């Protein structure tokens, strides 16, 4: 069974292309949903350029939580991944986190500074 990647995005034109490029390359068979939360930049245009992306547009900025709720309501899969649009996380870790969902109800990734 696949998973749905939910990406809330507000004015993320600059980083979104790289994020979606990585995700579509790594997970071509999984659902990727971008919620454009009332962006005033080119976020919608960037997301629209990728085939297979489910793009949902909020007419105004409702906030991160509302975008998550919209994505959850639109997701086709039971397993959900919440992923930031700014490229701060490495998408390669997603399969390891999703695999843990067979044993747990919720898995959270945490960045650790090894310095």
C-alpha atoms as a PDB file:
ATOM      1  CA  UNK A   1       0.000   0.000   0.000  1.00  0.00           C
ATOM      2  CA  UNK A   2       1.282   3.478  -0.874  1.00  0.00           C
ATOM      3  CA  UNK A   3       1.217   6.712   1.027  1.00  0.00           C
ATOM      4  CA  UNK A   4       0.180  10.306   0.471  1.00  0.00           C
ATOM      5  CA  UNK A   5       2.664  13.146   0.879  1.00  0.00           C
ATOM      6  CA  UNK A   6       0.932  16.342   2.007  1.00  0.00           C
ATOM      7  CA  UNK A   7       2.813  19.596   1.425  1.00  0.00           C
ATOM      8  CA  UNK A   8       1.362  22.824   2.822  1.00  0.00           C
ATOM      9  CA  UNK A   9       2.815  25.730   0.853  1.00  0.00           C
ATOM     10  CA  UNK A  10       2.550  29.470   1.394  1.00  0.00           C
ATOM     11  CA  UNK A  11       4.758  31.595  -0.859  1.00  0.00           C
ATOM     12  CA  UNK A  12       7.207  28.734  -1.450  1.00  0.00           C
ATOM     13  CA  UNK A  13       7.972  29.440  -5.111  1.00  0.00           C
ATOM     14  CA  UNK A  14      11.743  29.403  -4.546  1.00  0.00           C
ATOM     15  CA  UNK A  15      12.181  25.995  -2.914  1.00  0.00           C
ATOM     16  CA  UNK A  16       9.128  24.081  -4.089  1.00  0.00           C
ATOM     17  CA  UNK A  17      10.479  23.062  -7.485  1.00  0.00           C
ATOM     18  CA  UNK A  18      13.457  21.235  -5.979  1.00  0.00           C
ATOM     19  CA  UNK A  19      11.275  19.578  -3.331  1.00  0.00           C
ATOM     20  CA  UNK A  20       8.725  18.351  -5.882  1.00  0.00           C
ATOM     21  CA  UNK A  21      11.467  17.251  -8.253  1.00  0.00           C
ATOM     22  CA  UNK A  22      13.013  15.091  -5.535  1.00  0.00           C
ATOM     23  CA  UNK A  23       9.693  13.684  -4.347  1.00  0.00           C
ATOM     24  CA  UNK A  24       8.400  12.796  -7.823  1.00  0.00           C
ATOM     25  CA  UNK A  25      11.714  11.132  -8.641  1.00  0.00           C
ATOM     26  CA  UNK A  26      11.866   9.135  -5.401  1.00  0.00           C
ATOM     27  CA  UNK A  27       8.149   8.279  -5.144  1.00  0.00           C
ATOM     28  CA  UNK A  28       6.626   8.231  -8.647  1.00  0.00           C
ATOM     29  CA  UNK A  29       3.839   5.826  -7.636  1.00  0.00           C
ATOM     30  CA  UNK A  30       2.788   7.652  -4.470  1.00  0.00           C
ATOM     31  CA  UNK A  31       0.334  10.507  -4.132  1.00  0.00           C
ATOM     32  CA  UNK A  32       1.768  13.996  -3.694  1.00  0.00           C
ATOM     33  CA  UNK A  33      -0.616  16.746  -2.636  1.00  0.00           C
ATOM     34  CA  UNK A  34       0.360  20.422  -2.557  1.00  0.00           C
ATOM     35  CA  UNK A  35      -1.944  22.798  -0.726  1.00  0.00           C
ATOM     36  CA  UNK A  36      -1.258  26.320  -1.955  1.00  0.00           C
ATOM     37  CA  UNK A  37      -2.454  28.272   1.055  1.00  0.00           C
ATOM     38  CA  UNK A  38      -3.300  31.577  -0.628  1.00  0.00           C
ATOM     39  CA  UNK A  39       0.183  32.266  -1.967  1.00  0.00           C
ATOM     40  CA  UNK A  40       0.818  35.565  -3.721  1.00  0.00           C
ATOM     41  CA  UNK A  41       3.949  34.389  -5.541  1.00  0.00           C
ATOM     42  CA  UNK A  42       4.394  31.661  -8.159  1.00  0.00           C
ATOM     43  CA  UNK A  43       3.810  28.691  -5.847  1.00  0.00           C
ATOM     44  CA  UNK A  44       0.770  27.518  -7.812  1.00  0.00           C
ATOM     45  CA  UNK A  45       2.615  27.810 -11.132  1.00  0.00           C
ATOM     46  CA  UNK A  46       5.561  25.789  -9.830  1.00  0.00           C
ATOM     47  CA  UNK A  47       3.334  23.004  -8.498  1.00  0.00           C
ATOM     48  CA  UNK A  48       1.269  22.953 -11.699  1.00  0.00           C
ATOM     49  CA  UNK A  49       4.403  22.284 -13.753  1.00  0.00           C
ATOM     50  CA  UNK A  50       4.752  18.787 -12.240  1.00  0.00           C
ATOM     51  CA  UNK A  51       2.679  15.981 -13.702  1.00  0.00           C
ATOM     52  CA  UNK A  52       0.811  13.834 -11.241  1.00  0.00           C
ATOM     53  CA  UNK A  53       0.789  16.397  -8.433  1.00  0.00           C
ATOM     54  CA  UNK A  54      -2.603  16.996  -6.842  1.00  0.00           C
ATOM     55  CA  UNK A  55      -2.763  20.770  -6.371  1.00  0.00           C
ATOM     56  CA  UNK A  56      -5.358  22.338  -4.103  1.00  0.00           C
ATOM     57  CA  UNK A  57      -5.629  26.122  -3.896  1.00  0.00           C
ATOM     58  CA  UNK A  58      -6.923  28.004  -0.869  1.00  0.00           C
ATOM     59  CA  UNK A  59      -8.275  31.371  -1.987  1.00  0.00           C
ATOM     60  CA  UNK A  60      -6.697  33.029   1.042  1.00  0.00           C
ATOM     61  CA  UNK A  61      -4.114  32.133   3.664  1.00  0.00           C
ATOM     62  CA  UNK A  62      -5.841  29.959   6.264  1.00  0.00           C
ATOM     63  CA  UNK A  63      -2.642  28.755   7.932  1.00  0.00           C
ATOM     64  CA  UNK A  64      -0.577  25.613   8.262  1.00  0.00           C
ATOM     65  CA  UNK A  65      -3.133  23.637  10.283  1.00  0.00           C
ATOM     66  CA  UNK A  66      -5.929  24.331   7.818  1.00  0.00           C
ATOM     67  CA  UNK A  67      -3.664  23.243   4.962  1.00  0.00           C
ATOM     68  CA  UNK A  68      -2.917  19.979   6.741  1.00  0.00           C
ATOM     69  CA  UNK A  69      -6.652  19.382   7.254  1.00  0.00           C
ATOM     70  CA  UNK A  70      -7.324  20.050   3.562  1.00  0.00           C
ATOM     71  CA  UNK A  71      -4.576  17.634   2.564  1.00  0.00           C
ATOM     72  CA  UNK A  72      -5.837  14.948   4.920  1.00  0.00           C
ATOM     73  CA  UNK A  73      -9.354  15.287   3.527  1.00  0.00           C
ATOM     74  CA  UNK A  74      -8.055  14.944  -0.051  1.00  0.00           C
ATOM     75  CA  UNK A  75      -5.613  12.082   0.544  1.00  0.00           C
ATOM     76  CA  UNK A  76      -6.352   8.727  -1.070  1.00  0.00           C
ATOM     77  CA  UNK A  77      -4.133   6.683   1.231  1.00  0.00           C
ATOM     78  CA  UNK A  78      -4.341   5.771   4.887  1.00  0.00           C
ATOM     79  CA  UNK A  79      -0.633   6.442   5.479  1.00  0.00           C
ATOM     80  CA  UNK A  80       0.136  10.160   5.419  1.00  0.00           C
ATOM     81  CA  UNK A  81       3.440  12.022   5.303  1.00  0.00           C
ATOM     82  CA  UNK A  82       3.529  15.737   6.140  1.00  0.00           C
ATOM     83  CA  UNK A  83       6.435  17.350   4.312  1.00  0.00           C
ATOM     84  CA  UNK A  84       7.641  20.962   4.284  1.00  0.00           C
ATOM     85  CA  UNK A  85       7.812  22.855   0.993  1.00  0.00           C
ATOM     86  CA  UNK A  86      11.080  24.660   1.707  1.00  0.00           C
ATOM     87  CA  UNK A  87      13.495  21.757   1.292  1.00  0.00           C
ATOM     88  CA  UNK A  88      14.663  21.604   4.896  1.00  0.00           C
ATOM     89  CA  UNK A  89      14.149  17.827   5.116  1.00  0.00           C
ATOM     90  CA  UNK A  90      15.696  14.961   3.161  1.00  0.00           C
ATOM     91  CA  UNK A  91      12.984  12.994   1.345  1.00  0.00           C
ATOM     92  CA  UNK A  92      15.139   9.859   1.324  1.00  0.00           C
ATOM     93  CA  UNK A  93      14.163   9.148   4.948  1.00  0.00           C
ATOM     94  CA  UNK A  94      10.433   8.901   4.128  1.00  0.00           C
ATOM     95  CA  UNK A  95      10.399   5.125   3.402  1.00  0.00           C
ATOM     96  CA  UNK A  96      12.036   4.377   6.762  1.00  0.00           C
ATOM     97  CA  UNK A  97       9.456   6.482   8.597  1.00  0.00           C
ATOM     98  CA  UNK A  98       6.517   5.044   6.656  1.00  0.00           C
ATOM     99  CA  UNK A  99       7.721   1.481   7.365  1.00  0.00           C
ATOM    100  CA  UNK A 100       7.416   2.203  11.085  1.00  0.00           C
ATOM    101  CA  UNK A 101       3.710   2.925  10.610  1.00  0.00           C
ATOM    102  CA  UNK A 102       3.136  -0.836  10.472  1.00  0.00           C
ATOM    103  CA  UNK A 103       4.104  -0.913  14.150  1.00  0.00           C
ATOM    104  CA  UNK A 104       2.963   2.533  15.341  1.00  0.00           C
ATOM    105  CA  UNK A 105       0.070   4.900  14.788  1.00  0.00           C
ATOM    106  CA  UNK A 106       2.295   7.967  14.455  1.00  0.00           C
ATOM    107  CA  UNK A 107       5.941   8.499  13.548  1.00  0.00           C
ATOM    108  CA  UNK A 108       7.671  11.883  13.853  1.00  0.00           C
ATOM    109  CA  UNK A 109      11.022  12.776  12.360  1.00  0.00           C
ATOM    110  CA  UNK A 110      13.301  15.057  14.336  1.00  0.00           C
ATOM    111  CA  UNK A 111      16.342  16.883  13.046  1.00  0.00           C
ATOM    112  CA  UNK A 112      19.426  16.419  15.213  1.00  0.00           C
ATOM    113  CA  UNK A 113      22.431  18.693  15.158  1.00  0.00           C
ATOM    114  CA  UNK A 114      25.503  16.493  15.538  1.00  0.00           C
ATOM    115  CA  UNK A 115      27.883  19.396  16.157  1.00  0.00           C
END
